[in-house]
């Protein structure tokens, strides 16, 4: 409703319209009939590459032991960075992780929003405690540090303009699983550089996560 009322007015009467992806430009055209110039959002490459990785979930696990066990040290780290709203598809991520029925991974979820309480309750209900960790809102540097500690970055969103987290995950060389929505296919192709999957498809998401858990060589190649 917002797009079709206020968005339409803004787009129709603006002197110029700039979109952050070809997908966004197509949306602008469909909504308002206006052509939009595409200027991709930039990222602070040197700053991001200089940030050292940190995994809060692994640190917490190791702090509970006098010395980290082999089991703790060799868990694969899955990450999500984004707002915790319905449209980000985190419910599908939790459903996929629960269906895997294995304990050789931890999942760091960075972000906050109106869905956080429900998602935390879902994680408890699906017996994902100890494997899924909610870290809430983090400043940009710490969010990047957590992302850089991950082996797999997942973005199961239902819609995007140009997802910042996927752009940054690609920059820091992570294996990516993302839904083929909006401008995401303009960041990775889904061939030899990550997996693009349909939105709202937790079964396929689970299959791709399971595959990358079992094939560290493919994670490295995608990254």
C-alpha atoms as a PDB file:
ATOM      1  CA  UNK A   1       0.000   0.000   0.000  1.00  0.00           C
ATOM      2  CA  UNK A   2       2.843   2.358   0.880  1.00  0.00           C
ATOM      3  CA  UNK A   3       4.586   1.742  -2.460  1.00  0.00           C
ATOM      4  CA  UNK A   4       1.439   2.203  -4.529  1.00  0.00           C
ATOM      5  CA  UNK A   5       0.403   5.425  -2.792  1.00  0.00           C
ATOM      6  CA  UNK A   6       3.381   7.366  -1.430  1.00  0.00           C
ATOM      7  CA  UNK A   7       5.992   5.567  -3.540  1.00  0.00           C
ATOM      8  CA  UNK A   8       4.049   6.252  -6.719  1.00  0.00           C
ATOM      9  CA  UNK A   9       3.744   9.976  -5.889  1.00  0.00           C
ATOM     10  CA  UNK A  10       7.448  10.330  -5.058  1.00  0.00           C
ATOM     11  CA  UNK A  11       8.563   8.486  -8.190  1.00  0.00           C
ATOM     12  CA  UNK A  12       6.171  10.261 -10.540  1.00  0.00           C
ATOM     13  CA  UNK A  13       7.145  13.757  -9.428  1.00  0.00           C
ATOM     14  CA  UNK A  14      10.873  13.318  -8.784  1.00  0.00           C
ATOM     15  CA  UNK A  15      13.247  15.108 -11.168  1.00  0.00           C
ATOM     16  CA  UNK A  16      15.466  12.028 -11.367  1.00  0.00           C
ATOM     17  CA  UNK A  17      15.108   8.461 -10.116  1.00  0.00           C
ATOM     18  CA  UNK A  18      18.126   6.320  -9.208  1.00  0.00           C
ATOM     19  CA  UNK A  19      17.844   2.582  -8.471  1.00  0.00           C
ATOM     20  CA  UNK A  20      20.399   0.445  -6.641  1.00  0.00           C
ATOM     21  CA  UNK A  21      20.027  -2.557  -8.999  1.00  0.00           C
ATOM     22  CA  UNK A  22      18.511  -3.516 -12.332  1.00  0.00           C
ATOM     23  CA  UNK A  23      15.793  -5.333 -10.383  1.00  0.00           C
ATOM     24  CA  UNK A  24      14.961  -2.124  -8.503  1.00  0.00           C
ATOM     25  CA  UNK A  25      14.881  -0.194 -11.780  1.00  0.00           C
ATOM     26  CA  UNK A  26      12.396  -2.728 -13.181  1.00  0.00           C
ATOM     27  CA  UNK A  27      10.247  -2.292 -10.059  1.00  0.00           C
ATOM     28  CA  UNK A  28      10.310   1.498 -10.474  1.00  0.00           C
ATOM     29  CA  UNK A  29       9.278   1.132 -14.116  1.00  0.00           C
ATOM     30  CA  UNK A  30       6.414  -1.208 -13.254  1.00  0.00           C
ATOM     31  CA  UNK A  31       5.200   0.970 -10.380  1.00  0.00           C
ATOM     32  CA  UNK A  32       5.477   4.418 -11.910  1.00  0.00           C
ATOM     33  CA  UNK A  33       6.309   4.090 -15.600  1.00  0.00           C
ATOM     34  CA  UNK A  34       9.565   5.996 -14.977  1.00  0.00           C
ATOM     35  CA  UNK A  35      12.997   4.939 -16.165  1.00  0.00           C
ATOM     36  CA  UNK A  36      15.633   4.839 -13.415  1.00  0.00           C
ATOM     37  CA  UNK A  37      19.393   5.132 -13.688  1.00  0.00           C
ATOM     38  CA  UNK A  38      21.198   2.251 -11.939  1.00  0.00           C
ATOM     39  CA  UNK A  39      23.995   3.115  -9.511  1.00  0.00           C
ATOM     40  CA  UNK A  40      25.104   0.153  -7.442  1.00  0.00           C
ATOM     41  CA  UNK A  41      25.653   0.773  -3.748  1.00  0.00           C
ATOM     42  CA  UNK A  42      29.334   0.929  -2.836  1.00  0.00           C
ATOM     43  CA  UNK A  43      31.097  -0.846   0.026  1.00  0.00           C
ATOM     44  CA  UNK A  44      34.136   0.248   2.036  1.00  0.00           C
ATOM     45  CA  UNK A  45      36.411  -2.454   0.663  1.00  0.00           C
ATOM     46  CA  UNK A  46      39.671  -1.651   2.463  1.00  0.00           C
ATOM     47  CA  UNK A  47      37.968  -1.112   5.819  1.00  0.00           C
ATOM     48  CA  UNK A  48      35.954  -4.333   5.583  1.00  0.00           C
ATOM     49  CA  UNK A  49      38.915  -6.468   4.526  1.00  0.00           C
ATOM     50  CA  UNK A  50      40.964  -5.159   7.464  1.00  0.00           C
ATOM     51  CA  UNK A  51      38.435  -6.270  10.122  1.00  0.00           C
ATOM     52  CA  UNK A  52      39.537  -9.491  11.905  1.00  0.00           C
ATOM     53  CA  UNK A  53      36.978 -12.321  12.219  1.00  0.00           C
ATOM     54  CA  UNK A  54      35.281 -13.160  15.517  1.00  0.00           C
ATOM     55  CA  UNK A  55      32.687 -15.822  16.338  1.00  0.00           C
ATOM     56  CA  UNK A  56      30.720 -15.060  19.524  1.00  0.00           C
ATOM     57  CA  UNK A  57      29.132 -18.519  19.543  1.00  0.00           C
ATOM     58  CA  UNK A  58      32.473 -20.336  19.417  1.00  0.00           C
ATOM     59  CA  UNK A  59      33.980 -17.976  22.011  1.00  0.00           C
ATOM     60  CA  UNK A  60      31.041 -18.677  24.329  1.00  0.00           C
ATOM     61  CA  UNK A  61      31.405 -22.427  23.819  1.00  0.00           C
ATOM     62  CA  UNK A  62      35.125 -22.349  24.523  1.00  0.00           C
ATOM     63  CA  UNK A  63      34.647 -20.158  27.625  1.00  0.00           C
ATOM     64  CA  UNK A  64      32.597 -22.925  29.229  1.00  0.00           C
ATOM     65  CA  UNK A  65      35.533 -25.338  28.939  1.00  0.00           C
ATOM     66  CA  UNK A  66      39.083 -25.204  30.242  1.00  0.00           C
ATOM     67  CA  UNK A  67      40.227 -26.109  26.764  1.00  0.00           C
ATOM     68  CA  UNK A  68      38.080 -26.230  23.605  1.00  0.00           C
ATOM     69  CA  UNK A  69      37.086 -29.722  22.580  1.00  0.00           C
ATOM     70  CA  UNK A  70      37.688 -31.062  19.101  1.00  0.00           C
ATOM     71  CA  UNK A  71      33.926 -31.101  18.638  1.00  0.00           C
ATOM     72  CA  UNK A  72      33.688 -27.377  19.383  1.00  0.00           C
ATOM     73  CA  UNK A  73      36.646 -26.383  17.247  1.00  0.00           C
ATOM     74  CA  UNK A  74      35.456 -28.179  14.140  1.00  0.00           C
ATOM     75  CA  UNK A  75      31.853 -27.054  13.912  1.00  0.00           C
ATOM     76  CA  UNK A  76      30.896 -25.337  10.660  1.00  0.00           C
ATOM     77  CA  UNK A  77      29.656 -21.780  11.251  1.00  0.00           C
ATOM     78  CA  UNK A  78      26.547 -20.583   9.403  1.00  0.00           C
ATOM     79  CA  UNK A  79      25.680 -16.889   9.496  1.00  0.00           C
ATOM     80  CA  UNK A  80      22.758 -14.558   8.843  1.00  0.00           C
ATOM     81  CA  UNK A  81      23.053 -10.769   9.029  1.00  0.00           C
ATOM     82  CA  UNK A  82      19.954  -8.620   8.624  1.00  0.00           C
ATOM     83  CA  UNK A  83      16.776  -7.257  10.123  1.00  0.00           C
ATOM     84  CA  UNK A  84      14.577  -9.750  11.923  1.00  0.00           C
ATOM     85  CA  UNK A  85      11.366  -9.098  10.023  1.00  0.00           C
ATOM     86  CA  UNK A  86       9.057 -11.577   8.315  1.00  0.00           C
ATOM     87  CA  UNK A  87      10.298 -10.686   4.831  1.00  0.00           C
ATOM     88  CA  UNK A  88      13.854 -11.814   5.597  1.00  0.00           C
ATOM     89  CA  UNK A  89      12.847 -15.488   5.727  1.00  0.00           C
ATOM     90  CA  UNK A  90      14.678 -16.380   8.949  1.00  0.00           C
ATOM     91  CA  UNK A  91      11.802 -18.730   9.821  1.00  0.00           C
ATOM     92  CA  UNK A  92      12.765 -20.764   6.744  1.00  0.00           C
ATOM     93  CA  UNK A  93      16.393 -20.836   7.906  1.00  0.00           C
ATOM     94  CA  UNK A  94      15.418 -22.201  11.334  1.00  0.00           C
ATOM     95  CA  UNK A  95      13.091 -24.765   9.734  1.00  0.00           C
ATOM     96  CA  UNK A  96      15.903 -25.879   7.433  1.00  0.00           C
ATOM     97  CA  UNK A  97      18.410 -26.191  10.274  1.00  0.00           C
ATOM     98  CA  UNK A  98      15.993 -28.216  12.408  1.00  0.00           C
ATOM     99  CA  UNK A  99      15.304 -30.619   9.554  1.00  0.00           C
ATOM    100  CA  UNK A 100      19.010 -31.389   9.164  1.00  0.00           C
ATOM    101  CA  UNK A 101      18.996 -33.217  12.518  1.00  0.00           C
ATOM    102  CA  UNK A 102      22.759 -32.882  13.037  1.00  0.00           C
ATOM    103  CA  UNK A 103      24.964 -31.055  15.521  1.00  0.00           C
ATOM    104  CA  UNK A 104      28.115 -30.317  13.509  1.00  0.00           C
ATOM    105  CA  UNK A 105      27.238 -26.630  13.003  1.00  0.00           C
ATOM    106  CA  UNK A 106      26.485 -23.436  14.885  1.00  0.00           C
ATOM    107  CA  UNK A 107      24.455 -20.565  13.439  1.00  0.00           C
ATOM    108  CA  UNK A 108      25.163 -16.935  14.322  1.00  0.00           C
ATOM    109  CA  UNK A 109      22.153 -14.661  13.708  1.00  0.00           C
ATOM    110  CA  UNK A 110      23.030 -10.963  13.770  1.00  0.00           C
ATOM    111  CA  UNK A 111      20.247  -8.398  13.762  1.00  0.00           C
ATOM    112  CA  UNK A 112      17.172  -7.243  15.612  1.00  0.00           C
ATOM    113  CA  UNK A 113      13.567  -6.484  14.828  1.00  0.00           C
ATOM    114  CA  UNK A 114       9.936  -7.244  15.642  1.00  0.00           C
ATOM    115  CA  UNK A 115      10.316 -10.946  14.808  1.00  0.00           C
ATOM    116  CA  UNK A 116      13.196 -11.633  17.205  1.00  0.00           C
ATOM    117  CA  UNK A 117      11.124 -12.877  20.155  1.00  0.00           C
ATOM    118  CA  UNK A 118       9.084 -15.200  17.947  1.00  0.00           C
ATOM    119  CA  UNK A 119      12.212 -16.547  16.249  1.00  0.00           C
ATOM    120  CA  UNK A 120      13.933 -17.193  19.576  1.00  0.00           C
ATOM    121  CA  UNK A 121      10.842 -19.071  20.766  1.00  0.00           C
ATOM    122  CA  UNK A 122      10.820 -21.057  17.543  1.00  0.00           C
ATOM    123  CA  UNK A 123      14.492 -21.985  18.005  1.00  0.00           C
ATOM    124  CA  UNK A 124      13.716 -23.327  21.488  1.00  0.00           C
ATOM    125  CA  UNK A 125      10.655 -25.185  20.241  1.00  0.00           C
ATOM    126  CA  UNK A 126      12.644 -26.773  17.413  1.00  0.00           C
ATOM    127  CA  UNK A 127      15.394 -27.810  19.860  1.00  0.00           C
ATOM    128  CA  UNK A 128      18.002 -25.596  18.232  1.00  0.00           C
ATOM    129  CA  UNK A 129      19.351 -24.197  21.488  1.00  0.00           C
ATOM    130  CA  UNK A 130      23.131 -24.510  21.585  1.00  0.00           C
ATOM    131  CA  UNK A 131      23.254 -24.510  17.794  1.00  0.00           C
ATOM    132  CA  UNK A 132      21.545 -21.188  16.964  1.00  0.00           C
ATOM    133  CA  UNK A 133      22.683 -17.995  18.705  1.00  0.00           C
ATOM    134  CA  UNK A 134      20.892 -14.630  18.467  1.00  0.00           C
ATOM    135  CA  UNK A 135      23.330 -11.752  18.903  1.00  0.00           C
ATOM    136  CA  UNK A 136      20.929  -8.844  18.382  1.00  0.00           C
ATOM    137  CA  UNK A 137      21.893  -5.549  16.789  1.00  0.00           C
ATOM    138  CA  UNK A 138      25.648  -5.105  16.298  1.00  0.00           C
ATOM    139  CA  UNK A 139      27.561  -2.151  14.927  1.00  0.00           C
ATOM    140  CA  UNK A 140      28.814  -2.558  11.375  1.00  0.00           C
ATOM    141  CA  UNK A 141      32.390  -3.529  12.242  1.00  0.00           C
ATOM    142  CA  UNK A 142      31.327  -6.275  14.646  1.00  0.00           C
ATOM    143  CA  UNK A 143      28.682  -7.564  12.214  1.00  0.00           C
ATOM    144  CA  UNK A 144      31.405  -7.866   9.570  1.00  0.00           C
ATOM    145  CA  UNK A 145      33.738  -9.548  12.084  1.00  0.00           C
ATOM    146  CA  UNK A 146      31.072 -12.164  12.834  1.00  0.00           C
ATOM    147  CA  UNK A 147      30.343 -12.645   9.113  1.00  0.00           C
ATOM    148  CA  UNK A 148      34.059 -13.160   8.419  1.00  0.00           C
ATOM    149  CA  UNK A 149      34.144 -16.002  10.960  1.00  0.00           C
ATOM    150  CA  UNK A 150      31.380 -17.852   9.098  1.00  0.00           C
ATOM    151  CA  UNK A 151      31.900 -20.679   6.642  1.00  0.00           C
ATOM    152  CA  UNK A 152      28.472 -20.210   5.034  1.00  0.00           C
ATOM    153  CA  UNK A 153      26.366 -17.029   4.805  1.00  0.00           C
ATOM    154  CA  UNK A 154      22.628 -17.456   4.183  1.00  0.00           C
ATOM    155  CA  UNK A 155      20.169 -14.809   2.971  1.00  0.00           C
ATOM    156  CA  UNK A 156      16.708 -16.432   2.691  1.00  0.00           C
ATOM    157  CA  UNK A 157      14.877 -13.152   1.961  1.00  0.00           C
ATOM    158  CA  UNK A 158      11.520 -12.903   0.139  1.00  0.00           C
ATOM    159  CA  UNK A 159      12.407  -9.641  -1.615  1.00  0.00           C
ATOM    160  CA  UNK A 160      15.437  -7.386  -2.099  1.00  0.00           C
ATOM    161  CA  UNK A 161      16.671  -4.304  -3.888  1.00  0.00           C
ATOM    162  CA  UNK A 162      20.375  -5.087  -3.580  1.00  0.00           C
ATOM    163  CA  UNK A 163      21.149  -7.002  -0.368  1.00  0.00           C
ATOM    164  CA  UNK A 164      24.081  -5.458   1.488  1.00  0.00           C
ATOM    165  CA  UNK A 165      24.831  -8.636   3.450  1.00  0.00           C
ATOM    166  CA  UNK A 166      25.206 -10.695   0.244  1.00  0.00           C
ATOM    167  CA  UNK A 167      27.475  -8.043  -1.289  1.00  0.00           C
ATOM    168  CA  UNK A 168      29.666  -7.995   1.813  1.00  0.00           C
ATOM    169  CA  UNK A 169      29.699 -11.796   2.111  1.00  0.00           C
ATOM    170  CA  UNK A 170      30.901 -12.017  -1.488  1.00  0.00           C
ATOM    171  CA  UNK A 171      33.562  -9.379  -0.812  1.00  0.00           C
ATOM    172  CA  UNK A 172      35.011 -11.332   2.125  1.00  0.00           C
ATOM    173  CA  UNK A 173      34.988 -14.622   0.215  1.00  0.00           C
ATOM    174  CA  UNK A 174      32.191 -16.593   1.858  1.00  0.00           C
ATOM    175  CA  UNK A 175      30.131 -19.443   0.453  1.00  0.00           C
ATOM    176  CA  UNK A 176      26.678 -17.958  -0.080  1.00  0.00           C
ATOM    177  CA  UNK A 177      23.199 -19.464  -0.174  1.00  0.00           C
ATOM    178  CA  UNK A 178      20.610 -16.846  -1.101  1.00  0.00           C
ATOM    179  CA  UNK A 179      17.151 -16.617  -2.570  1.00  0.00           C
ATOM    180  CA  UNK A 180      16.975 -15.532  -6.206  1.00  0.00           C
ATOM    181  CA  UNK A 181      15.002 -12.357  -5.536  1.00  0.00           C
ATOM    182  CA  UNK A 182      15.490  -8.724  -6.516  1.00  0.00           C
ATOM    183  CA  UNK A 183      19.089  -7.766  -7.203  1.00  0.00           C
ATOM    184  CA  UNK A 184      20.660 -10.827  -5.560  1.00  0.00           C
ATOM    185  CA  UNK A 185      21.367 -12.538  -8.942  1.00  0.00           C
ATOM    186  CA  UNK A 186      23.297  -9.380  -9.879  1.00  0.00           C
ATOM    187  CA  UNK A 187      25.789 -10.193  -7.076  1.00  0.00           C
ATOM    188  CA  UNK A 188      26.206 -13.953  -7.559  1.00  0.00           C
ATOM    189  CA  UNK A 189      25.121 -16.025 -10.540  1.00  0.00           C
ATOM    190  CA  UNK A 190      24.358 -19.256  -8.676  1.00  0.00           C
ATOM    191  CA  UNK A 191      26.871 -21.097 -10.856  1.00  0.00           C
ATOM    192  CA  UNK A 192      30.280 -21.875  -9.330  1.00  0.00           C
ATOM    193  CA  UNK A 193      29.977 -18.930  -6.903  1.00  0.00           C
ATOM    194  CA  UNK A 194      27.142 -19.922  -4.532  1.00  0.00           C
ATOM    195  CA  UNK A 195      23.614 -21.277  -4.527  1.00  0.00           C
ATOM    196  CA  UNK A 196      20.547 -19.297  -5.621  1.00  0.00           C
ATOM    197  CA  UNK A 197      17.316 -20.922  -4.452  1.00  0.00           C
ATOM    198  CA  UNK A 198      13.588 -20.100  -4.617  1.00  0.00           C
ATOM    199  CA  UNK A 199      12.164 -18.038  -1.730  1.00  0.00           C
ATOM    200  CA  UNK A 200      10.043 -19.755   0.954  1.00  0.00           C
ATOM    201  CA  UNK A 201      11.614 -23.132   0.130  1.00  0.00           C
ATOM    202  CA  UNK A 202      13.070 -24.462   3.387  1.00  0.00           C
ATOM    203  CA  UNK A 203      13.529 -27.949   1.934  1.00  0.00           C
ATOM    204  CA  UNK A 204      15.885 -26.762  -0.808  1.00  0.00           C
ATOM    205  CA  UNK A 205      17.623 -24.485   1.690  1.00  0.00           C
ATOM    206  CA  UNK A 206      18.235 -27.477   3.979  1.00  0.00           C
ATOM    207  CA  UNK A 207      19.591 -29.505   1.050  1.00  0.00           C
ATOM    208  CA  UNK A 208      22.065 -26.779   0.076  1.00  0.00           C
ATOM    209  CA  UNK A 209      23.191 -26.189   3.667  1.00  0.00           C
ATOM    210  CA  UNK A 210      23.660 -29.926   4.159  1.00  0.00           C
ATOM    211  CA  UNK A 211      25.662 -30.160   0.958  1.00  0.00           C
ATOM    212  CA  UNK A 212      28.021 -27.365   1.992  1.00  0.00           C
ATOM    213  CA  UNK A 213      28.376 -28.842   5.488  1.00  0.00           C
ATOM    214  CA  UNK A 214      29.560 -32.075   3.881  1.00  0.00           C
ATOM    215  CA  UNK A 215      31.784 -30.454   1.220  1.00  0.00           C
ATOM    216  CA  UNK A 216      34.270 -27.960   2.700  1.00  0.00           C
ATOM    217  CA  UNK A 217      36.126 -27.935  -0.630  1.00  0.00           C
ATOM    218  CA  UNK A 218      33.011 -26.525  -2.313  1.00  0.00           C
ATOM    219  CA  UNK A 219      32.653 -23.886   0.397  1.00  0.00           C
ATOM    220  CA  UNK A 220      36.199 -22.802  -0.321  1.00  0.00           C
ATOM    221  CA  UNK A 221      35.633 -22.787  -4.074  1.00  0.00           C
ATOM    222  CA  UNK A 222      32.443 -20.748  -3.811  1.00  0.00           C
ATOM    223  CA  UNK A 223      34.205 -18.258  -1.558  1.00  0.00           C
END
